[in-house]
Amino acid sequence: MKNFVQPGDNLDLAAPRALTSGAGFLVGSIFAVASVDAAQGATLAGVTRGVFDLPKAVGAVTQGQKIYWDNTAFVVTTTVGSNTQIGVATAAAASGDATARVKLGYVA
């Protein structure tokens, strides 16, 4: 099909802040995980599909729970508020755990 551009698993995005490889970030409504370290404003490949261990806010997470991105604290959370929905938890995480395992993009 001649109008196909790419699968969309990796997108060239401008880093909204200095990022380290593996850091989550939001550009408009696009959530991605940095594939490399990048300075603010630099273009990098943001990974938009897959399962990642991401830093999380305090609070328990249940398997299958909707996950949101807190773009102020730069952590995942189960709190809706003004946060952006980014995916679903693929495993439970205790309140004190530092990370949550998240499948990006999939939400029923």
C-alpha atoms as a PDB file:
ATOM      1  CA  MET A   1       0.000   0.000   0.000  1.00  0.00           C
ATOM      2  CA  LYS A   2       1.660   3.193  -1.143  1.00  0.00           C
ATOM      3  CA  ASN A   3       0.456   5.431   1.713  1.00  0.00           C
ATOM      4  CA  PHE A   4       1.986   3.234   4.469  1.00  0.00           C
ATOM      5  CA  VAL A   5       4.727   5.129   6.315  1.00  0.00           C
ATOM      6  CA  GLN A   6       5.945   2.846   9.134  1.00  0.00           C
ATOM      7  CA  PRO A   7       4.674   0.501  11.886  1.00  0.00           C
ATOM      8  CA  GLY A   8       4.856   3.323  14.450  1.00  0.00           C
ATOM      9  CA  ASP A   9       6.635   1.379  17.201  1.00  0.00           C
ATOM     10  CA  ASN A  10       9.432   3.976  17.189  1.00  0.00           C
ATOM     11  CA  LEU A  11       8.860   7.647  16.432  1.00  0.00           C
ATOM     12  CA  ASP A  12      11.340  10.482  15.980  1.00  0.00           C
ATOM     13  CA  LEU A  13      10.403  12.903  18.756  1.00  0.00           C
ATOM     14  CA  ALA A  14      11.922  16.028  20.285  1.00  0.00           C
ATOM     15  CA  ALA A  15      13.013  15.442  23.889  1.00  0.00           C
ATOM     16  CA  PRO A  16      10.873  17.681  26.134  1.00  0.00           C
ATOM     17  CA  ARG A  17      13.638  17.633  28.776  1.00  0.00           C
ATOM     18  CA  ALA A  18      17.026  15.966  29.202  1.00  0.00           C
ATOM     19  CA  LEU A  19      16.337  12.219  29.039  1.00  0.00           C
ATOM     20  CA  THR A  20      18.252   9.078  29.876  1.00  0.00           C
ATOM     21  CA  SER A  21      17.738   5.836  27.994  1.00  0.00           C
ATOM     22  CA  GLY A  22      14.649   4.106  29.396  1.00  0.00           C
ATOM     23  CA  ALA A  23      12.986   7.286  30.690  1.00  0.00           C
ATOM     24  CA  GLY A  24       9.329   7.848  29.927  1.00  0.00           C
ATOM     25  CA  PHE A  25       8.249  11.114  28.352  1.00  0.00           C
ATOM     26  CA  LEU A  26       5.264  12.832  26.842  1.00  0.00           C
ATOM     27  CA  VAL A  27       5.160  14.925  23.664  1.00  0.00           C
ATOM     28  CA  GLY A  28       1.648  16.291  23.328  1.00  0.00           C
ATOM     29  CA  SER A  29      -0.505  13.168  23.589  1.00  0.00           C
ATOM     30  CA  ILE A  30       2.278  10.775  22.522  1.00  0.00           C
ATOM     31  CA  PHE A  31       3.882   8.790  25.351  1.00  0.00           C
ATOM     32  CA  ALA A  32       7.196   7.108  24.607  1.00  0.00           C
ATOM     33  CA  VAL A  33      10.247   5.604  26.268  1.00  0.00           C
ATOM     34  CA  ALA A  34      13.633   7.071  25.348  1.00  0.00           C
ATOM     35  CA  SER A  35      15.792   4.668  23.347  1.00  0.00           C
ATOM     36  CA  VAL A  36      18.974   6.673  24.074  1.00  0.00           C
ATOM     37  CA  ASP A  37      20.143   9.562  26.247  1.00  0.00           C
ATOM     38  CA  ALA A  38      19.083  12.905  24.753  1.00  0.00           C
ATOM     39  CA  ALA A  39      19.454  16.586  25.570  1.00  0.00           C
ATOM     40  CA  GLN A  40      16.338  18.745  25.770  1.00  0.00           C
ATOM     41  CA  GLY A  41      15.162  19.559  22.243  1.00  0.00           C
ATOM     42  CA  ALA A  42      17.250  16.831  20.599  1.00  0.00           C
ATOM     43  CA  THR A  43      15.503  14.354  18.309  1.00  0.00           C
ATOM     44  CA  LEU A  44      15.487  10.756  19.495  1.00  0.00           C
ATOM     45  CA  ALA A  45      13.659   7.528  18.744  1.00  0.00           C
ATOM     46  CA  GLY A  46      10.829   7.223  21.230  1.00  0.00           C
ATOM     47  CA  VAL A  47       9.547   3.679  21.680  1.00  0.00           C
ATOM     48  CA  THR A  48       5.750   3.711  21.738  1.00  0.00           C
ATOM     49  CA  ARG A  49       4.974   0.004  21.931  1.00  0.00           C
ATOM     50  CA  GLY A  50       6.097  -2.783  24.229  1.00  0.00           C
ATOM     51  CA  VAL A  51       6.255  -3.650  27.922  1.00  0.00           C
ATOM     52  CA  PHE A  52       8.479  -1.549  30.189  1.00  0.00           C
ATOM     53  CA  ASP A  53       9.354  -1.269  33.868  1.00  0.00           C
ATOM     54  CA  LEU A  54       8.682   2.391  34.632  1.00  0.00           C
ATOM     55  CA  PRO A  55       9.079   4.414  37.842  1.00  0.00           C
ATOM     56  CA  LYS A  56       5.796   4.621  39.716  1.00  0.00           C
ATOM     57  CA  ALA A  57       4.087   6.772  42.306  1.00  0.00           C
ATOM     58  CA  VAL A  58       3.357   5.374  45.770  1.00  0.00           C
ATOM     59  CA  GLY A  59       0.342   3.078  45.666  1.00  0.00           C
ATOM     60  CA  ALA A  60      -0.440  -0.505  44.754  1.00  0.00           C
ATOM     61  CA  VAL A  61      -1.028  -1.537  41.141  1.00  0.00           C
ATOM     62  CA  THR A  62      -3.094  -4.551  40.122  1.00  0.00           C
ATOM     63  CA  GLN A  63      -2.530  -6.633  37.017  1.00  0.00           C
ATOM     64  CA  GLY A  64      -4.678  -5.291  34.193  1.00  0.00           C
ATOM     65  CA  GLN A  65      -5.181  -1.873  35.809  1.00  0.00           C
ATOM     66  CA  LYS A  66      -5.153   1.228  33.591  1.00  0.00           C
ATOM     67  CA  ILE A  67      -1.935   3.219  33.970  1.00  0.00           C
ATOM     68  CA  TYR A  68      -1.463   6.970  33.597  1.00  0.00           C
ATOM     69  CA  TRP A  69       1.606   9.211  33.227  1.00  0.00           C
ATOM     70  CA  ASP A  70       2.170  11.985  35.776  1.00  0.00           C
ATOM     71  CA  ASN A  71       4.057  14.509  33.654  1.00  0.00           C
ATOM     72  CA  THR A  72       4.992  16.612  36.691  1.00  0.00           C
ATOM     73  CA  ALA A  73       6.624  13.860  38.778  1.00  0.00           C
ATOM     74  CA  PHE A  74       7.597  11.785  35.686  1.00  0.00           C
ATOM     75  CA  VAL A  75       6.146   8.548  37.101  1.00  0.00           C
ATOM     76  CA  VAL A  76       3.306   6.179  36.272  1.00  0.00           C
ATOM     77  CA  THR A  77       0.251   6.231  38.478  1.00  0.00           C
ATOM     78  CA  THR A  78      -3.241   4.786  38.762  1.00  0.00           C
ATOM     79  CA  THR A  79      -4.645   8.273  39.437  1.00  0.00           C
ATOM     80  CA  VAL A  80      -6.635   9.697  36.539  1.00  0.00           C
ATOM     81  CA  GLY A  81      -6.858  13.441  37.356  1.00  0.00           C
ATOM     82  CA  SER A  82      -5.065  15.449  34.674  1.00  0.00           C
ATOM     83  CA  ASN A  83      -2.699  12.551  33.935  1.00  0.00           C
ATOM     84  CA  THR A  84      -2.443  10.936  30.490  1.00  0.00           C
ATOM     85  CA  GLN A  85      -3.497   7.312  30.038  1.00  0.00           C
ATOM     86  CA  ILE A  86      -0.539   5.378  28.602  1.00  0.00           C
ATOM     87  CA  GLY A  87      -1.328   1.677  28.944  1.00  0.00           C
ATOM     88  CA  VAL A  88      -2.087  -1.166  31.309  1.00  0.00           C
ATOM     89  CA  ALA A  89      -0.191  -2.934  34.096  1.00  0.00           C
ATOM     90  CA  THR A  90       0.936  -6.426  33.105  1.00  0.00           C
ATOM     91  CA  ALA A  91       1.867  -7.391  36.674  1.00  0.00           C
ATOM     92  CA  ALA A  92       0.876  -6.361  40.175  1.00  0.00           C
ATOM     93  CA  ALA A  93       3.149  -3.990  42.111  1.00  0.00           C
ATOM     94  CA  ALA A  94       3.095  -3.280  45.840  1.00  0.00           C
ATOM     95  CA  SER A  95       2.668   0.253  47.151  1.00  0.00           C
ATOM     96  CA  GLY A  96       6.351   0.541  48.057  1.00  0.00           C
ATOM     97  CA  ASP A  97       7.693  -0.872  44.779  1.00  0.00           C
ATOM     98  CA  ALA A  98       9.766   1.604  42.771  1.00  0.00           C
ATOM     99  CA  THR A  99       8.486   0.458  39.367  1.00  0.00           C
ATOM    100  CA  ALA A 100       5.426  -0.912  37.612  1.00  0.00           C
ATOM    101  CA  ARG A 101       5.454  -3.138  34.520  1.00  0.00           C
ATOM    102  CA  VAL A 102       3.403  -1.417  31.819  1.00  0.00           C
ATOM    103  CA  LYS A 103       2.265  -2.453  28.337  1.00  0.00           C
ATOM    104  CA  LEU A 104       2.152   0.772  26.380  1.00  0.00           C
ATOM    105  CA  GLY A 105      -0.876   1.733  24.364  1.00  0.00           C
ATOM    106  CA  TYR A 106      -3.176  -1.181  25.137  1.00  0.00           C
ATOM    107  CA  VAL A 107      -6.319  -0.277  27.030  1.00  0.00           C
ATOM    108  CA  ALA A 108      -9.662  -2.061  26.687  1.00  0.00           C
END
